[in-house]
Amino acid sequence: MNETGRSAARPLAGVRVVEISSFVAAPLAGMTLSQLGADVIRVDPLGGAADYHRWPLTDDGASIYWTGLNKGKRSVAADLRSDAGQQLISRLITGSGPGGGILLTNTVGRDWLDYDTLAAQRRDLIRLEILGRADGSNAVDYTVNAAVGFPMVTGPAEHAGPINQVLPAWDLLCGMYAALAIAGAVRHREATGEGSRITLPLEDVALATAGNLGFLTEAMLCETPRPRLGNAIYGQYGQHFTGADGATFMIVALTSRHFHALTELTGTRAAVDALATALDADFTDEGARYHHRDVLTGLFTPWFRARTGVEITAALERTSILWERYRTFHEVAGDPRVTANPLFAQMLQPGVGTYLAPSAPASVNGSHTAPQPAPRLGEHSEAVLREQLGLPPTAIAQLRDAAVIATES
């Protein structure tokens, strides 16, 4: 580790980010930057932002959601509606020494936070704003998902209406893009001394992904719409199967080797060969396996139905087939892939309790950096103002007494 505190595991040490945000994408970006070593100061309005009490909650009403996405940050709570509060946070953003001058936000329409206003106070400002749409209009993951097309190809083949995905995929991707963009802007500033004005529309993240994965290109070039497939995999052979005791498995055969192993496991080699002859199909070709997926599934299904989940698991473990049993969140939480995984470590989260919390998924030089708890709202208001703005105790006390800031809510 050098004099800046940087190391392979903490390449952004010495970088200071002010985050004014809520919900998923921006908080995830801030947490990711924190896990890479940045000092991320989340600024919330007095009483917390719109996501401060978002479900899921503990029995005592603490937001498991909020603490999950704000691990390792510092918290400042301020009256963001008052001139005094706005001036204070503006100074925090534009000050903070050579590693500061970075704002991550998804709060739009606030003149005191716009790029030109802040850049007038600091020339090398880095400001990343997450928008709903590129035109500045509002959008969230759920509405973006509806607009992009995925709900119309999600769900059982016989289903007529849209089916939303539970995972907020566009928020998650947007958060990762935002963290990457800020890290890139920091590198650019270190090399040139220049700041960056970055906008990242959530809808554009979804549209770019749909284009990169070929969904939009396919629609541009092909007349036939992509069909609903249920749990099948487009262009490959994959399907779910249920055992005699109700245990359900996802089976994937990406290659001829996988498919051959599946026919051997289920004792259907001769039947599959006969089917190939009858259909004049070459099942070494992934397209042929996809086109004839339903009849192939019919051949494989009896083997699974005749066995319990334990028996199916034991048999699959001896093959090269790609597979996994469907699990509930409760099952996963108690599974060794969590309880014995170095990604997770015991962490005491004030207001929530002690539990296994994840660190950053990437291990660096063979180890994970231990996860740090999320702050209490306003926990670091005094320390941040003292350290970064040099405010004396009397000035901080005056701000607290005037309800411009709050501490440890």
Protein backbone atom coordinates (compact mmCIF):
# COMPACT_ATOMS: atom_id res chain seq x y z
CA MET A 1 0.00 0.00 0.00
CA ASN A 2 1.43 3.43 -0.97
CA GLU A 3 1.17 6.79 0.72
CA THR A 4 -2.33 7.41 -0.66
CA GLY A 5 -3.62 4.22 0.94
CA ARG A 6 -4.16 2.60 -2.45
CA SER A 7 -3.71 -1.10 -2.91
CA ALA A 8 -4.79 -3.69 -5.44
CA ALA A 9 -7.96 -4.20 -3.41
CA ARG A 10 -8.53 -0.46 -2.88
CA PRO A 11 -7.50 1.25 -6.14
CA LEU A 12 -9.79 4.24 -5.47
CA ALA A 13 -8.42 5.09 -2.03
CA GLY A 14 -8.01 8.84 -1.80
CA VAL A 15 -11.03 9.46 -4.05
CA ARG A 16 -13.98 11.18 -2.37
CA VAL A 17 -17.50 10.92 -3.81
CA VAL A 18 -20.58 12.78 -2.62
CA GLU A 19 -23.71 10.76 -3.38
CA ILE A 20 -27.16 12.36 -3.35
CA SER A 21 -29.49 9.62 -4.43
CA SER A 22 -32.22 7.11 -3.68
CA PHE A 23 -33.47 3.65 -4.67
CA VAL A 24 -31.15 1.25 -6.56
CA ALA A 25 -28.91 2.42 -9.40
CA ALA A 26 -27.11 5.38 -7.82
CA PRO A 27 -26.78 3.83 -4.32
CA LEU A 28 -25.37 0.66 -5.92
CA ALA A 29 -22.85 2.73 -7.86
CA GLY A 30 -21.80 4.50 -4.67
CA MET A 31 -21.46 1.25 -2.75
CA THR A 32 -19.39 -0.25 -5.55
CA LEU A 33 -17.04 2.74 -5.51
CA SER A 34 -16.79 2.42 -1.73
CA GLN A 35 -15.87 -1.26 -2.05
CA LEU A 36 -13.07 -0.17 -4.39
CA GLY A 37 -11.68 2.12 -1.69
CA ALA A 38 -13.37 5.46 -2.34
CA ASP A 39 -14.68 7.55 0.54
CA VAL A 40 -18.36 7.76 -0.38
CA ILE A 41 -20.39 10.31 1.55
CA ARG A 42 -24.11 9.80 1.11
CA VAL A 43 -26.04 13.02 1.69
CA ASP A 44 -29.70 12.63 2.61
CA PRO A 45 -32.41 15.12 3.52
CA LEU A 46 -33.41 15.36 7.16
CA GLY A 47 -35.42 12.24 7.99
CA GLY A 48 -34.00 10.31 5.05
CA ALA A 49 -34.64 10.12 1.31
CA ALA A 50 -37.56 8.33 -0.32
CA ASP A 51 -35.85 4.95 0.02
CA TYR A 52 -34.92 5.20 3.70
CA HIS A 53 -37.86 3.03 4.83
CA ARG A 54 -38.23 0.90 1.71
CA TRP A 55 -39.17 -2.77 2.10
CA PRO A 56 -38.05 -5.34 3.10
CA LEU A 57 -38.07 -4.23 6.72
CA THR A 58 -37.02 -5.81 9.98
CA ASP A 59 -39.68 -6.44 12.61
CA ASP A 60 -38.63 -3.12 14.14
CA GLY A 61 -39.14 -1.23 10.90
CA ALA A 62 -35.51 -0.79 9.78
CA SER A 63 -35.01 -1.01 6.03
CA ILE A 64 -33.01 -4.09 5.08
CA TYR A 65 -33.07 -2.71 1.56
CA TRP A 66 -31.45 0.62 2.54
CA THR A 67 -28.73 -0.91 4.65
CA GLY A 68 -27.96 -3.45 1.94
CA LEU A 69 -27.17 -0.81 -0.69
CA ASN A 70 -25.31 1.65 1.52
CA LYS A 71 -22.68 -0.53 3.16
CA GLY A 72 -19.34 1.13 3.78
CA LYS A 73 -20.50 4.72 3.14
CA ARG A 74 -20.50 7.71 5.44
CA SER A 75 -23.75 9.59 6.06
CA VAL A 76 -24.52 13.28 6.23
CA ALA A 77 -28.09 14.44 6.85
CA ALA A 78 -28.88 18.05 5.92
CA ASP A 79 -31.80 20.33 5.13
CA LEU A 80 -31.50 20.27 1.35
CA ARG A 81 -34.39 22.70 0.93
CA SER A 82 -32.74 25.55 2.80
CA ASP A 83 -30.16 27.92 1.37
CA ALA A 84 -27.83 27.16 4.25
CA GLY A 85 -28.08 23.41 3.65
CA GLN A 86 -27.56 23.77 -0.10
CA GLN A 87 -24.54 26.00 0.36
CA LEU A 88 -23.06 23.57 2.86
CA ILE A 89 -23.42 20.55 0.58
CA SER A 90 -22.19 22.52 -2.43
CA ARG A 91 -19.03 23.28 -0.49
CA LEU A 92 -18.72 19.62 0.45
CA ILE A 93 -18.99 18.58 -3.20
CA THR A 94 -16.58 21.11 -4.63
CA GLY A 95 -14.10 21.04 -1.76
CA SER A 96 -12.62 17.93 -0.18
CA GLY A 97 -9.13 18.34 -1.66
CA PRO A 98 -7.65 16.83 -4.83
CA GLY A 99 -9.54 13.55 -4.49
CA GLY A 100 -12.92 15.27 -4.10
CA GLY A 101 -15.06 17.24 -6.48
CA ILE A 102 -17.13 14.23 -7.49
CA LEU A 103 -20.93 14.11 -7.39
CA LEU A 104 -23.05 11.02 -8.03
CA THR A 105 -26.75 11.74 -8.14
CA ASN A 106 -30.12 10.79 -9.56
CA THR A 107 -31.89 13.89 -8.25
CA VAL A 108 -32.88 16.01 -11.23
CA GLY A 109 -34.14 19.57 -11.50
CA ARG A 110 -32.09 21.09 -8.68
CA ASP A 111 -30.29 24.15 -10.03
CA TRP A 112 -27.84 24.29 -7.15
CA LEU A 113 -26.60 20.80 -8.10
CA ASP A 114 -26.31 21.30 -11.86
CA TYR A 115 -22.95 20.93 -13.55
CA ASP A 116 -22.40 24.56 -14.53
CA THR A 117 -23.16 25.86 -11.03
CA LEU A 118 -20.80 23.42 -9.34
CA ALA A 119 -18.09 23.61 -12.03
CA ALA A 120 -17.95 27.37 -11.52
CA GLN A 121 -16.69 26.56 -8.02
CA ARG A 122 -14.40 23.74 -9.09
CA ARG A 123 -13.03 23.47 -12.63
CA ASP A 124 -12.17 19.76 -12.50
CA LEU A 125 -15.62 18.69 -11.23
CA ILE A 126 -16.81 15.19 -12.06
CA ARG A 127 -20.59 14.98 -12.02
CA LEU A 128 -22.57 11.89 -12.98
CA GLU A 129 -26.32 12.18 -13.16
CA ILE A 130 -28.58 9.17 -13.66
CA LEU A 131 -31.69 10.10 -15.62
CA GLY A 132 -34.84 8.13 -16.36
CA ARG A 133 -34.75 8.88 -20.08
CA ALA A 134 -32.33 10.80 -22.26
CA ASP A 135 -34.87 13.62 -22.73
CA GLY A 136 -34.93 14.14 -18.97
CA SER A 137 -38.39 12.66 -18.41
CA ASN A 138 -39.05 10.28 -15.54
CA ALA A 139 -38.62 6.53 -15.71
CA VAL A 140 -37.83 3.72 -13.29
CA ASP A 141 -36.71 0.15 -13.80
CA TYR A 142 -40.29 -1.15 -13.92
CA THR A 143 -41.42 1.33 -16.59
CA VAL A 144 -38.22 1.01 -18.62
CA ASN A 145 -38.65 -2.76 -18.61
CA ALA A 146 -42.17 -2.39 -19.99
CA ALA A 147 -40.93 -0.08 -22.75
CA VAL A 148 -38.02 -2.18 -23.97
CA GLY A 149 -39.79 -5.46 -24.82
CA PHE A 150 -38.59 -8.11 -22.42
CA PRO A 151 -41.94 -8.66 -20.63
CA MET A 152 -43.46 -9.69 -23.97
CA VAL A 153 -41.04 -12.62 -24.32
CA THR A 154 -40.99 -13.59 -20.63
CA GLY A 155 -43.17 -16.36 -19.23
CA PRO A 156 -44.98 -19.47 -20.49
CA ALA A 157 -45.49 -19.84 -24.23
CA GLU A 158 -49.27 -19.90 -23.82
CA HIS A 159 -49.41 -16.69 -21.78
CA ALA A 160 -50.92 -13.72 -23.63
CA GLY A 161 -50.02 -10.69 -21.47
CA PRO A 162 -46.75 -9.17 -20.25
CA ILE A 163 -44.77 -10.70 -17.41
CA ASN A 164 -42.32 -8.51 -15.51
CA GLN A 165 -39.03 -9.81 -14.19
CA VAL A 166 -38.51 -9.63 -10.42
CA LEU A 167 -34.83 -8.71 -10.67
CA PRO A 168 -34.35 -4.95 -11.29
CA ALA A 169 -31.87 -5.70 -14.05
CA TRP A 170 -31.71 -2.21 -15.55
CA ASP A 171 -31.08 -0.55 -12.20
CA LEU A 172 -28.29 -3.02 -11.48
CA LEU A 173 -26.63 -2.57 -14.86
CA CYS A 174 -27.02 1.18 -14.61
CA GLY A 175 -25.32 1.19 -11.22
CA MET A 176 -22.37 -0.76 -12.59
CA TYR A 177 -22.09 1.53 -15.65
CA ALA A 178 -22.19 4.55 -13.33
CA ALA A 179 -19.40 3.24 -11.11
CA LEU A 180 -17.29 2.41 -14.17
CA ALA A 181 -17.91 5.84 -15.69
CA ILE A 182 -16.82 7.62 -12.50
CA ALA A 183 -13.71 5.45 -12.19
CA GLY A 184 -12.89 6.28 -15.82
CA ALA A 185 -13.48 9.99 -15.22
CA VAL A 186 -11.13 9.90 -12.21
CA ARG A 187 -8.45 8.32 -14.39
CA HIS A 188 -9.03 10.98 -17.05
CA ARG A 189 -8.78 13.77 -14.46
CA GLU A 190 -5.58 12.37 -13.03
CA ALA A 191 -4.07 12.30 -16.52
CA THR A 192 -5.34 15.67 -17.82
CA GLY A 193 -6.64 17.73 -14.91
CA GLU A 194 -10.03 17.91 -16.64
CA GLY A 195 -13.41 17.19 -15.09
CA SER A 196 -16.31 15.35 -16.72
CA ARG A 197 -20.02 15.95 -17.17
CA ILE A 198 -21.64 12.52 -17.40
CA THR A 199 -25.30 11.67 -17.94
CA LEU A 200 -26.52 8.10 -17.82
CA PRO A 201 -30.17 7.48 -18.77
CA LEU A 202 -31.62 4.30 -17.28
CA GLU A 203 -33.62 3.66 -20.46
CA ASP A 204 -30.48 3.90 -22.58
CA VAL A 205 -28.85 1.23 -20.42
CA ALA A 206 -31.76 -1.10 -21.21
CA LEU A 207 -31.84 -0.18 -24.90
CA ALA A 208 -28.10 -0.66 -25.27
CA THR A 209 -28.33 -4.05 -23.56
CA ALA A 210 -31.21 -5.15 -25.77
CA GLY A 211 -29.16 -4.10 -28.78
CA ASN A 212 -25.91 -5.67 -27.62
CA LEU A 213 -27.62 -9.00 -26.94
CA GLY A 214 -29.24 -9.01 -30.37
CA PHE A 215 -32.87 -8.59 -29.34
CA LEU A 216 -33.29 -5.30 -31.21
CA THR A 217 -31.04 -6.29 -34.11
CA GLU A 218 -33.10 -9.44 -34.58
CA ALA A 219 -36.27 -7.33 -34.70
CA MET A 220 -34.69 -5.02 -37.28
CA LEU A 221 -33.59 -7.83 -39.56
CA CYS A 222 -36.14 -10.61 -39.04
CA GLU A 223 -39.90 -10.47 -39.63
CA THR A 224 -40.81 -13.25 -37.19
CA PRO A 225 -41.04 -11.99 -33.57
CA ARG A 226 -39.10 -13.74 -30.82
CA PRO A 227 -41.52 -16.21 -29.16
CA ARG A 228 -42.18 -16.82 -25.50
CA LEU A 229 -40.33 -19.94 -24.39
CA GLY A 230 -41.18 -20.44 -20.73
CA ASN A 231 -38.05 -21.88 -19.14
CA ALA A 232 -36.50 -22.98 -22.41
CA ILE A 233 -33.42 -21.19 -23.78
CA TYR A 234 -33.55 -19.44 -27.12
CA GLY A 235 -31.26 -21.09 -29.67
CA GLN A 236 -30.06 -23.80 -27.26
CA TYR A 237 -31.44 -26.79 -25.45
CA GLY A 238 -32.41 -25.99 -21.90
CA GLN A 239 -35.47 -26.87 -19.83
CA HIS A 240 -36.68 -27.45 -16.29
CA PHE A 241 -37.59 -30.93 -15.05
CA THR A 242 -39.39 -31.98 -11.87
CA GLY A 243 -38.61 -35.06 -9.82
CA ALA A 244 -40.94 -37.47 -8.07
CA ASP A 245 -40.84 -35.45 -4.86
CA GLY A 246 -41.38 -32.06 -6.50
CA ALA A 247 -37.73 -31.01 -6.63
CA THR A 248 -37.20 -29.03 -9.83
CA PHE A 249 -33.99 -28.71 -11.83
CA MET A 250 -32.77 -26.50 -14.64
CA ILE A 251 -30.89 -28.54 -17.23
CA VAL A 252 -28.74 -26.89 -19.90
CA ALA A 253 -26.98 -28.59 -22.81
CA LEU A 254 -24.92 -25.93 -24.56
CA THR A 255 -22.65 -28.30 -26.46
CA SER A 256 -22.89 -31.68 -28.17
CA ARG A 257 -20.94 -33.13 -25.25
CA HIS A 258 -23.54 -31.87 -22.78
CA PHE A 259 -26.38 -33.19 -24.92
CA HIS A 260 -24.74 -36.59 -25.32
CA ALA A 261 -24.30 -36.79 -21.54
CA LEU A 262 -28.00 -35.96 -21.06
CA THR A 263 -29.09 -38.76 -23.39
CA GLU A 264 -26.77 -41.20 -21.62
CA LEU A 265 -28.04 -40.15 -18.19
CA THR A 266 -31.69 -40.54 -19.13
CA GLY A 267 -31.19 -43.75 -21.11
CA THR A 268 -32.63 -42.18 -24.24
CA ARG A 269 -29.66 -42.48 -26.57
CA ALA A 270 -31.35 -44.96 -28.91
CA ALA A 271 -34.64 -43.05 -28.86
CA VAL A 272 -32.89 -39.76 -29.65
CA ASP A 273 -31.00 -41.38 -32.52
CA ALA A 274 -34.24 -42.77 -33.91
CA LEU A 275 -35.88 -39.36 -33.56
CA ALA A 276 -32.99 -37.74 -35.43
CA THR A 277 -33.47 -40.19 -38.29
CA ALA A 278 -37.23 -39.72 -38.39
CA LEU A 279 -36.95 -35.94 -38.39
CA ASP A 280 -33.83 -35.80 -40.57
CA ALA A 281 -32.29 -33.72 -37.79
CA ASP A 282 -28.67 -33.42 -36.71
CA PHE A 283 -28.70 -33.13 -32.95
CA THR A 284 -25.02 -32.22 -32.86
CA ASP A 285 -26.29 -28.85 -34.08
CA GLU A 286 -27.60 -26.53 -31.37
CA GLY A 287 -30.26 -25.12 -33.69
CA ALA A 288 -31.71 -28.59 -34.27
CA ARG A 289 -31.81 -29.24 -30.55
CA TYR A 290 -33.62 -25.94 -30.05
CA HIS A 291 -36.18 -26.47 -32.82
CA HIS A 292 -37.09 -29.94 -31.56
CA ARG A 293 -36.88 -29.06 -27.86
CA ASP A 294 -40.44 -30.08 -26.99
CA VAL A 295 -40.19 -33.64 -28.31
CA LEU A 296 -36.74 -34.03 -26.75
CA THR A 297 -38.09 -32.84 -23.43
CA GLY A 298 -40.83 -35.44 -23.73
CA LEU A 299 -38.17 -38.15 -24.04
CA PHE A 300 -36.16 -36.94 -21.04
CA THR A 301 -39.04 -36.21 -18.67
CA PRO A 302 -39.86 -39.79 -17.51
CA TRP A 303 -36.34 -40.29 -16.15
CA PHE A 304 -36.68 -37.23 -13.89
CA ARG A 305 -40.24 -38.04 -12.81
CA ALA A 306 -39.16 -41.49 -11.63
CA ARG A 307 -36.50 -40.15 -9.22
CA THR A 308 -36.31 -37.98 -6.13
CA GLY A 309 -34.35 -34.76 -5.96
CA VAL A 310 -31.57 -36.47 -4.01
CA GLU A 311 -31.29 -39.23 -6.61
CA ILE A 312 -31.32 -36.73 -9.49
CA THR A 313 -28.64 -34.63 -7.81
CA ALA A 314 -26.37 -37.63 -7.24
CA ALA A 315 -26.73 -38.73 -10.85
CA LEU A 316 -26.16 -35.25 -12.32
CA GLU A 317 -23.03 -34.73 -10.24
CA ARG A 318 -21.38 -37.57 -12.13
CA THR A 319 -21.93 -35.94 -15.54
CA SER A 320 -20.74 -32.93 -17.53
CA ILE A 321 -24.31 -31.58 -17.82
CA LEU A 322 -24.90 -27.99 -16.74
CA TRP A 323 -27.57 -28.08 -14.07
CA GLU A 324 -28.88 -26.69 -10.81
CA ARG A 325 -31.85 -27.31 -8.56
CA TYR A 326 -34.30 -24.45 -8.14
CA ARG A 327 -34.04 -23.03 -4.63
CA THR A 328 -35.89 -20.51 -2.51
CA PHE A 329 -34.11 -17.54 -0.95
CA HIS A 330 -34.43 -19.24 2.45
CA GLU A 331 -32.73 -22.35 1.10
CA VAL A 332 -29.91 -20.32 -0.44
CA ALA A 333 -29.36 -18.31 2.75
CA GLY A 334 -28.67 -21.51 4.68
CA ASP A 335 -26.65 -23.22 1.97
CA PRO A 336 -22.84 -23.64 2.17
CA ARG A 337 -22.53 -21.53 -0.99
CA VAL A 338 -23.39 -18.67 1.41
CA THR A 339 -22.45 -19.95 4.87
CA ALA A 340 -19.04 -21.29 3.77
CA ASN A 341 -18.33 -18.73 1.05
CA PRO A 342 -15.50 -16.24 1.75
CA LEU A 343 -17.59 -13.66 -0.12
CA PHE A 344 -19.75 -13.46 3.03
CA ALA A 345 -18.67 -12.40 6.50
CA GLN A 346 -20.46 -11.84 9.78
CA MET A 347 -21.40 -8.18 10.10
CA LEU A 348 -23.20 -6.23 12.80
CA GLN A 349 -25.58 -3.77 11.18
CA PRO A 350 -26.96 -1.31 13.75
CA GLY A 351 -30.72 -1.43 13.78
CA VAL A 352 -30.84 -4.70 11.84
CA GLY A 353 -28.65 -7.25 13.62
CA THR A 354 -25.77 -9.59 12.90
CA TYR A 355 -25.87 -11.56 9.68
CA LEU A 356 -23.72 -12.82 6.82
CA ALA A 357 -23.20 -9.86 4.50
CA PRO A 358 -21.56 -9.95 1.07
CA SER A 359 -18.45 -8.00 0.18
CA ALA A 360 -17.56 -7.12 -3.41
CA PRO A 361 -17.88 -10.27 -5.56
CA ALA A 362 -14.36 -10.00 -7.02
CA SER A 363 -11.56 -11.32 -4.86
CA VAL A 364 -8.22 -9.52 -5.21
CA ASN A 365 -5.04 -11.52 -4.69
CA GLY A 366 -7.11 -14.33 -3.25
CA SER A 367 -9.18 -12.49 -0.69
CA HIS A 368 -12.28 -10.35 -0.27
CA THR A 369 -12.34 -7.09 1.64
CA ALA A 370 -14.64 -7.50 4.63
CA PRO A 371 -18.06 -5.84 4.24
CA GLN A 372 -18.65 -2.69 6.27
CA PRO A 373 -22.04 -1.78 7.77
CA ALA A 374 -24.22 0.97 6.39
CA PRO A 375 -24.18 4.16 8.44
CA ARG A 376 -26.96 5.47 10.60
CA LEU A 377 -28.63 8.44 8.98
CA GLY A 378 -26.48 11.49 9.73
CA GLU A 379 -23.92 9.43 11.65
CA HIS A 380 -20.96 11.25 10.10
CA SER A 381 -22.41 14.73 9.64
CA GLU A 382 -20.14 16.31 12.23
CA ALA A 383 -17.00 14.38 11.32
CA VAL A 384 -17.33 15.06 7.59
CA LEU A 385 -17.92 18.79 8.05
CA ARG A 386 -15.00 19.00 10.44
CA GLU A 387 -12.60 16.99 8.27
CA GLN A 388 -13.57 18.19 4.82
CA LEU A 389 -14.66 21.77 5.40
CA GLY A 390 -12.62 22.55 8.50
CA LEU A 391 -15.66 23.72 10.46
CA PRO A 392 -14.99 24.23 14.17
CA PRO A 393 -17.22 22.64 16.81
CA THR A 394 -19.06 25.91 17.46
CA ALA A 395 -20.04 26.28 13.78
CA ILE A 396 -21.18 22.68 13.63
CA ALA A 397 -23.23 23.14 16.79
CA GLN A 398 -24.90 26.19 15.28
CA LEU A 399 -25.81 24.24 12.14
CA ARG A 400 -27.23 21.45 14.27
CA ASP A 401 -29.20 23.83 16.46
CA ALA A 402 -30.63 25.55 13.36
CA ALA A 403 -31.70 22.12 11.97
CA VAL A 404 -29.46 22.56 8.92
CA ILE A 405 -27.84 19.21 9.74
CA ALA A 406 -28.81 16.21 11.83
CA THR A 407 -26.71 13.51 13.43
CA GLU A 408 -27.24 9.80 14.14
CA SER A 409 -30.94 9.51 13.39
